[in-house]
Amino acid sequence: MLFITKNKKSDYRIVIPADTTPSVNTAAQELQKYICDISGAYLPIVWDNVPAEGKEICVGYTNRDSGICPCEAEKLGDEGYII
């Protein structure tokens, strides 16, 4: 089982591309808001030009290695996700 928050705390942060688009920025802010509303935990949003650190939730196409082939990532489209 994957826990993103516990007792109003989280080890995760949200990562977005440094050259983000308005839609990716909005998606990250909405994710942050809903996680906080549901759990009470605040996840900071950082750009992908900040060194990777700990557990991260990537929104958009960041420079983080997702571990999947780029050809598979293309199949996800705009609304897909990887866990």
N, C-alpha and C. Protein backbone atom coordinates (compact mmCIF):
# COMPACT_ATOMS: atom_id res chain seq x y z
N MET A 1 0.84 -1.17 0.00
CA MET A 1 0.00 0.00 0.00
C MET A 1 0.89 1.24 0.00
N LEU A 2 0.48 2.25 -0.71
CA LEU A 2 1.21 3.50 -0.83
C LEU A 2 0.52 4.58 0.01
N PHE A 3 1.25 5.16 0.94
CA PHE A 3 0.73 6.27 1.74
C PHE A 3 1.47 7.54 1.36
N ILE A 4 0.73 8.55 0.93
CA ILE A 4 1.33 9.84 0.59
C ILE A 4 1.37 10.73 1.83
N THR A 5 0.37 10.58 2.69
CA THR A 5 0.33 11.37 3.92
C THR A 5 0.02 10.46 5.11
N LYS A 6 0.39 10.94 6.28
CA LYS A 6 0.05 10.25 7.52
C LYS A 6 0.12 11.28 8.64
N ASN A 7 -0.93 11.34 9.44
CA ASN A 7 -0.98 12.27 10.57
C ASN A 7 -0.68 13.71 10.16
N LYS A 8 -1.29 14.14 9.07
CA LYS A 8 -1.17 15.51 8.56
C LYS A 8 0.25 15.88 8.14
N LYS A 9 1.06 14.87 7.80
CA LYS A 9 2.43 15.10 7.34
C LYS A 9 2.68 14.25 6.10
N SER A 10 3.69 14.66 5.34
CA SER A 10 4.05 13.91 4.14
C SER A 10 5.55 14.02 3.89
N ASP A 11 6.12 12.96 3.36
CA ASP A 11 7.52 12.97 2.93
C ASP A 11 7.63 13.36 1.46
N TYR A 12 6.51 13.63 0.82
CA TYR A 12 6.47 13.91 -0.61
C TYR A 12 6.48 15.40 -0.90
N ARG A 13 6.90 15.71 -2.12
CA ARG A 13 6.75 17.06 -2.67
C ARG A 13 6.31 16.90 -4.12
N ILE A 14 5.74 17.95 -4.67
CA ILE A 14 5.25 17.93 -6.04
C ILE A 14 6.28 18.62 -6.92
N VAL A 15 6.66 17.96 -8.03
CA VAL A 15 7.67 18.50 -8.93
C VAL A 15 7.02 18.82 -10.28
N ILE A 16 7.31 20.02 -10.78
CA ILE A 16 6.82 20.44 -12.10
C ILE A 16 7.99 20.89 -12.95
N PRO A 17 7.84 20.89 -14.28
CA PRO A 17 8.93 21.34 -15.14
C PRO A 17 9.26 22.81 -14.88
N ALA A 18 10.55 23.16 -14.98
CA ALA A 18 10.96 24.55 -14.80
C ALA A 18 10.32 25.45 -15.86
N ASP A 19 10.10 24.89 -17.04
CA ASP A 19 9.44 25.65 -18.12
C ASP A 19 7.97 25.23 -18.23
N THR A 20 7.31 25.20 -17.10
CA THR A 20 5.95 24.67 -17.02
C THR A 20 4.94 25.47 -17.84
N THR A 21 3.86 24.82 -18.15
CA THR A 21 2.75 25.47 -18.84
C THR A 21 1.69 25.86 -17.81
N PRO A 22 0.82 26.78 -18.15
CA PRO A 22 -0.24 27.14 -17.20
C PRO A 22 -1.09 25.94 -16.76
N SER A 23 -1.36 25.02 -17.67
CA SER A 23 -2.20 23.87 -17.28
C SER A 23 -1.49 22.95 -16.31
N VAL A 24 -0.19 22.74 -16.48
CA VAL A 24 0.57 21.90 -15.55
C VAL A 24 0.67 22.60 -14.20
N ASN A 25 0.89 23.89 -14.20
CA ASN A 25 0.96 24.66 -12.96
C ASN A 25 -0.37 24.56 -12.20
N THR A 26 -1.47 24.72 -12.92
CA THR A 26 -2.80 24.61 -12.30
C THR A 26 -3.02 23.21 -11.75
N ALA A 27 -2.64 22.19 -12.51
CA ALA A 27 -2.81 20.81 -12.06
C ALA A 27 -2.04 20.56 -10.77
N ALA A 28 -0.81 21.07 -10.68
CA ALA A 28 0.01 20.88 -9.48
C ALA A 28 -0.62 21.60 -8.29
N GLN A 29 -1.12 22.80 -8.51
CA GLN A 29 -1.76 23.56 -7.43
C GLN A 29 -3.04 22.88 -6.96
N GLU A 30 -3.81 22.33 -7.89
CA GLU A 30 -5.03 21.62 -7.51
C GLU A 30 -4.71 20.35 -6.74
N LEU A 31 -3.68 19.62 -7.20
CA LEU A 31 -3.26 18.42 -6.47
C LEU A 31 -2.84 18.78 -5.05
N GLN A 32 -2.04 19.82 -4.93
CA GLN A 32 -1.59 20.29 -3.61
C GLN A 32 -2.78 20.64 -2.73
N LYS A 33 -3.73 21.38 -3.28
CA LYS A 33 -4.91 21.81 -2.52
C LYS A 33 -5.74 20.62 -2.05
N TYR A 34 -6.02 19.69 -2.97
CA TYR A 34 -6.87 18.56 -2.60
C TYR A 34 -6.20 17.62 -1.61
N ILE A 35 -4.92 17.41 -1.75
CA ILE A 35 -4.22 16.58 -0.76
C ILE A 35 -4.28 17.24 0.61
N CYS A 36 -4.09 18.55 0.64
CA CYS A 36 -4.16 19.29 1.91
C CYS A 36 -5.57 19.26 2.48
N ASP A 37 -6.58 19.47 1.63
CA ASP A 37 -7.97 19.44 2.09
C ASP A 37 -8.35 18.09 2.67
N ILE A 38 -7.89 17.02 2.02
CA ILE A 38 -8.24 15.67 2.44
C ILE A 38 -7.49 15.24 3.69
N SER A 39 -6.19 15.57 3.73
CA SER A 39 -5.33 14.99 4.77
C SER A 39 -4.78 15.99 5.79
N GLY A 40 -4.79 17.27 5.44
CA GLY A 40 -4.17 18.27 6.31
C GLY A 40 -2.68 18.41 6.08
N ALA A 41 -2.13 17.63 5.16
CA ALA A 41 -0.69 17.68 4.86
C ALA A 41 -0.44 18.63 3.69
N TYR A 42 0.55 19.49 3.83
CA TYR A 42 0.92 20.44 2.78
C TYR A 42 2.14 19.91 2.04
N LEU A 43 1.99 19.68 0.74
CA LEU A 43 3.11 19.24 -0.10
C LEU A 43 3.63 20.44 -0.88
N PRO A 44 4.90 20.80 -0.70
CA PRO A 44 5.44 21.93 -1.46
C PRO A 44 5.54 21.60 -2.94
N ILE A 45 5.47 22.63 -3.77
CA ILE A 45 5.67 22.49 -5.21
C ILE A 45 7.03 23.06 -5.55
N VAL A 46 7.85 22.27 -6.25
CA VAL A 46 9.18 22.71 -6.66
C VAL A 46 9.36 22.45 -8.16
N TRP A 47 10.29 23.19 -8.77
CA TRP A 47 10.62 22.97 -10.18
C TRP A 47 11.63 21.85 -10.32
N ASP A 48 11.68 21.26 -11.49
CA ASP A 48 12.59 20.12 -11.71
C ASP A 48 14.04 20.55 -11.87
N ASN A 49 14.35 21.85 -11.82
CA ASN A 49 15.75 22.25 -11.83
C ASN A 49 16.34 22.26 -10.41
N VAL A 50 15.50 21.93 -9.43
CA VAL A 50 15.95 21.71 -8.05
C VAL A 50 16.37 20.25 -7.95
N PRO A 51 17.50 19.94 -7.30
CA PRO A 51 17.93 18.54 -7.21
C PRO A 51 16.85 17.63 -6.62
N ALA A 52 16.77 16.42 -7.15
CA ALA A 52 15.83 15.43 -6.63
C ALA A 52 16.16 15.15 -5.17
N GLU A 53 15.10 14.96 -4.40
CA GLU A 53 15.29 14.75 -2.97
C GLU A 53 14.10 13.99 -2.41
N GLY A 54 14.33 12.84 -1.87
CA GLY A 54 13.26 12.09 -1.24
C GLY A 54 12.18 11.65 -2.20
N LYS A 55 10.97 11.66 -1.71
CA LYS A 55 9.82 11.17 -2.47
C LYS A 55 9.17 12.33 -3.21
N GLU A 56 8.85 12.08 -4.48
CA GLU A 56 8.33 13.15 -5.32
C GLU A 56 7.14 12.66 -6.15
N ILE A 57 6.21 13.56 -6.37
CA ILE A 57 5.10 13.34 -7.30
C ILE A 57 5.34 14.31 -8.45
N CYS A 58 5.60 13.79 -9.62
CA CYS A 58 5.88 14.63 -10.78
C CYS A 58 4.60 14.90 -11.56
N VAL A 59 4.41 16.16 -11.89
CA VAL A 59 3.25 16.58 -12.68
C VAL A 59 3.80 17.18 -13.97
N GLY A 60 3.37 16.66 -15.10
CA GLY A 60 3.90 17.12 -16.38
C GLY A 60 5.16 16.35 -16.74
N TYR A 61 5.80 16.75 -17.83
CA TYR A 61 7.01 16.07 -18.28
C TYR A 61 8.22 16.73 -17.64
N THR A 62 8.68 16.18 -16.54
CA THR A 62 9.82 16.72 -15.82
C THR A 62 11.10 16.03 -16.29
N ASN A 63 12.23 16.50 -15.80
CA ASN A 63 13.50 15.88 -16.15
C ASN A 63 13.83 14.69 -15.25
N ARG A 64 12.92 14.31 -14.41
CA ARG A 64 13.13 13.14 -13.54
C ARG A 64 12.97 11.87 -14.38
N ASP A 65 13.77 10.88 -14.10
CA ASP A 65 13.68 9.60 -14.83
C ASP A 65 12.50 8.82 -14.26
N SER A 66 11.48 8.65 -15.09
CA SER A 66 10.29 7.94 -14.64
C SER A 66 10.48 6.43 -14.65
N GLY A 67 11.57 5.97 -15.29
CA GLY A 67 11.81 4.54 -15.34
C GLY A 67 11.08 3.83 -16.45
N ILE A 68 10.37 4.58 -17.31
CA ILE A 68 9.70 3.93 -18.43
C ILE A 68 10.27 4.48 -19.73
N CYS A 69 10.13 3.71 -20.73
CA CYS A 69 10.59 4.08 -22.08
C CYS A 69 9.81 5.30 -22.57
N PRO A 70 10.49 6.28 -23.21
CA PRO A 70 9.76 7.43 -23.74
C PRO A 70 8.61 7.07 -24.67
N CYS A 71 8.76 5.97 -25.42
CA CYS A 71 7.67 5.56 -26.31
C CYS A 71 6.44 5.15 -25.50
N GLU A 72 6.64 4.58 -24.32
CA GLU A 72 5.51 4.22 -23.46
C GLU A 72 4.90 5.47 -22.84
N ALA A 73 5.72 6.45 -22.50
CA ALA A 73 5.22 7.70 -21.92
C ALA A 73 4.30 8.42 -22.90
N GLU A 74 4.63 8.37 -24.18
CA GLU A 74 3.80 9.01 -25.19
C GLU A 74 2.39 8.41 -25.21
N LYS A 75 2.27 7.13 -24.92
CA LYS A 75 0.97 6.46 -24.92
C LYS A 75 0.06 6.97 -23.80
N LEU A 76 0.65 7.59 -22.77
CA LEU A 76 -0.15 8.08 -21.65
C LEU A 76 -1.02 9.26 -22.05
N GLY A 77 -0.56 10.04 -23.03
CA GLY A 77 -1.32 11.22 -23.44
C GLY A 77 -1.31 12.29 -22.37
N ASP A 78 -2.21 13.25 -22.49
CA ASP A 78 -2.26 14.37 -21.56
C ASP A 78 -2.86 14.02 -20.20
N GLU A 79 -3.66 12.97 -20.13
CA GLU A 79 -4.35 12.66 -18.90
C GLU A 79 -3.85 11.38 -18.22
N GLY A 80 -2.80 10.77 -18.74
CA GLY A 80 -2.30 9.53 -18.18
C GLY A 80 -1.45 9.75 -16.94
N TYR A 81 -1.17 8.66 -16.24
CA TYR A 81 -0.32 8.75 -15.06
C TYR A 81 0.41 7.44 -14.83
N ILE A 82 1.46 7.52 -14.05
CA ILE A 82 2.27 6.36 -13.70
C ILE A 82 2.43 6.34 -12.20
N ILE A 83 2.29 5.19 -11.60
CA ILE A 83 2.54 5.04 -10.17
C ILE A 83 3.75 4.13 -10.01
